[in-house]
Each structure stands twice: as structure tokens, then as C-alpha cells.
Protein backbone atom coordinates (compact mmCIF):
# COMPACT_ATOMS: atom_id res chain seq x y z
CA UNK A 1 0.00 0.00 0.00
CA UNK A 2 2.86 2.39 0.77
CA UNK A 3 4.26 1.98 -2.74
CA UNK A 4 0.84 2.51 -4.29
CA UNK A 5 0.47 5.77 -2.36
CA UNK A 6 3.96 6.90 -3.40
CA UNK A 7 3.40 6.06 -7.07
CA UNK A 8 -0.01 7.74 -7.18
CA UNK A 9 1.17 10.86 -5.38
CA UNK A 10 4.27 11.11 -7.55
CA UNK A 11 2.20 10.89 -10.73
CA UNK A 12 -0.35 13.45 -9.55
CA UNK A 13 2.19 15.88 -8.11
CA UNK A 14 4.25 15.76 -11.30
CA UNK A 15 1.22 16.29 -13.53
CA UNK A 16 -0.61 18.94 -11.52
CA UNK A 17 1.74 20.29 -8.87
CA UNK A 18 2.16 19.53 -5.19
CA UNK A 19 -0.01 22.41 -4.01
CA UNK A 20 -2.82 21.61 -6.46
CA UNK A 21 -3.28 18.01 -5.31
CA UNK A 22 -4.75 17.31 -1.90
CA UNK A 23 -4.24 14.26 0.24
CA UNK A 24 -7.86 13.18 -0.28
CA UNK A 25 -7.27 13.00 -4.02
CA UNK A 26 -4.16 10.86 -3.54
CA UNK A 27 -6.16 8.55 -1.27
CA UNK A 28 -9.07 8.19 -3.70
CA UNK A 29 -6.90 7.63 -6.76
CA UNK A 30 -4.64 5.14 -5.00
CA UNK A 31 -7.64 3.17 -3.75
CA UNK A 32 -6.47 2.92 -0.15
CA UNK A 33 -8.26 3.84 3.06
CA UNK A 34 -7.50 7.18 4.67
CA UNK A 35 -6.32 5.36 7.78
CA UNK A 36 -3.81 3.42 5.66
CA UNK A 37 -2.40 6.67 4.33
CA UNK A 38 -1.83 7.94 7.86
CA UNK A 39 -0.22 4.69 8.97
CA UNK A 40 2.51 5.27 6.38
CA UNK A 41 2.66 9.09 6.25
CA UNK A 42 1.68 11.43 9.08
CA UNK A 43 1.33 14.46 6.79
CA UNK A 44 1.36 15.47 3.15
CA UNK A 45 4.84 16.84 3.77
CA UNK A 46 5.99 13.38 4.90
CA UNK A 47 4.58 11.92 1.68
CA UNK A 48 6.38 14.54 -0.44
CA UNK A 49 9.64 13.96 1.44
CA UNK A 50 9.39 10.20 0.88
CA UNK A 51 8.89 10.76 -2.85
CA UNK A 52 11.98 12.98 -2.94
CA UNK A 53 14.06 10.41 -1.06
CA UNK A 54 12.88 7.60 -3.34
CA UNK A 55 13.80 9.66 -6.40
CA UNK A 56 17.24 10.53 -5.02
CA UNK A 57 18.33 6.99 -4.13
CA UNK A 58 18.72 5.70 -7.72
CA UNK A 59 20.59 8.86 -8.70
CA UNK A 60 22.96 8.58 -5.76
CA UNK A 61 23.80 4.95 -6.43
CA UNK A 62 24.02 5.22 -10.20
């Protein structure tokens, strides 16, 4: 579920911008429960930070 949230948020944020996409939209489009979102990410900022870290890891190792 965590990966699904990350992939959905990354796609939406890239297409529409971080400020334009709310957490509820990420939840609906990823098909997970709101409680599941908050198990993995306490805030939208935590979700954004996790996306940035995930994007940086391949670049740092490659």
C-alpha cells in the first residue's frame, strides 16, 4: 500500500503540482483507506519527502 500511495502521489504531483493536489485525491486515486495513508505518512509533507528520497536513491547509487 505504501508503494501505491507513493506512485499515485508522484504521478499526480508531477502532472498537476504539489499544491494543487490534496491528500484526499491521492487517497481516492490510489484506492487505499484514509487510515492506511496515515499509517505510512503522518502528513502530506511526509509523503512529499518520501517521494523525494525515493527519487534521489537511484541517482545517488548510479
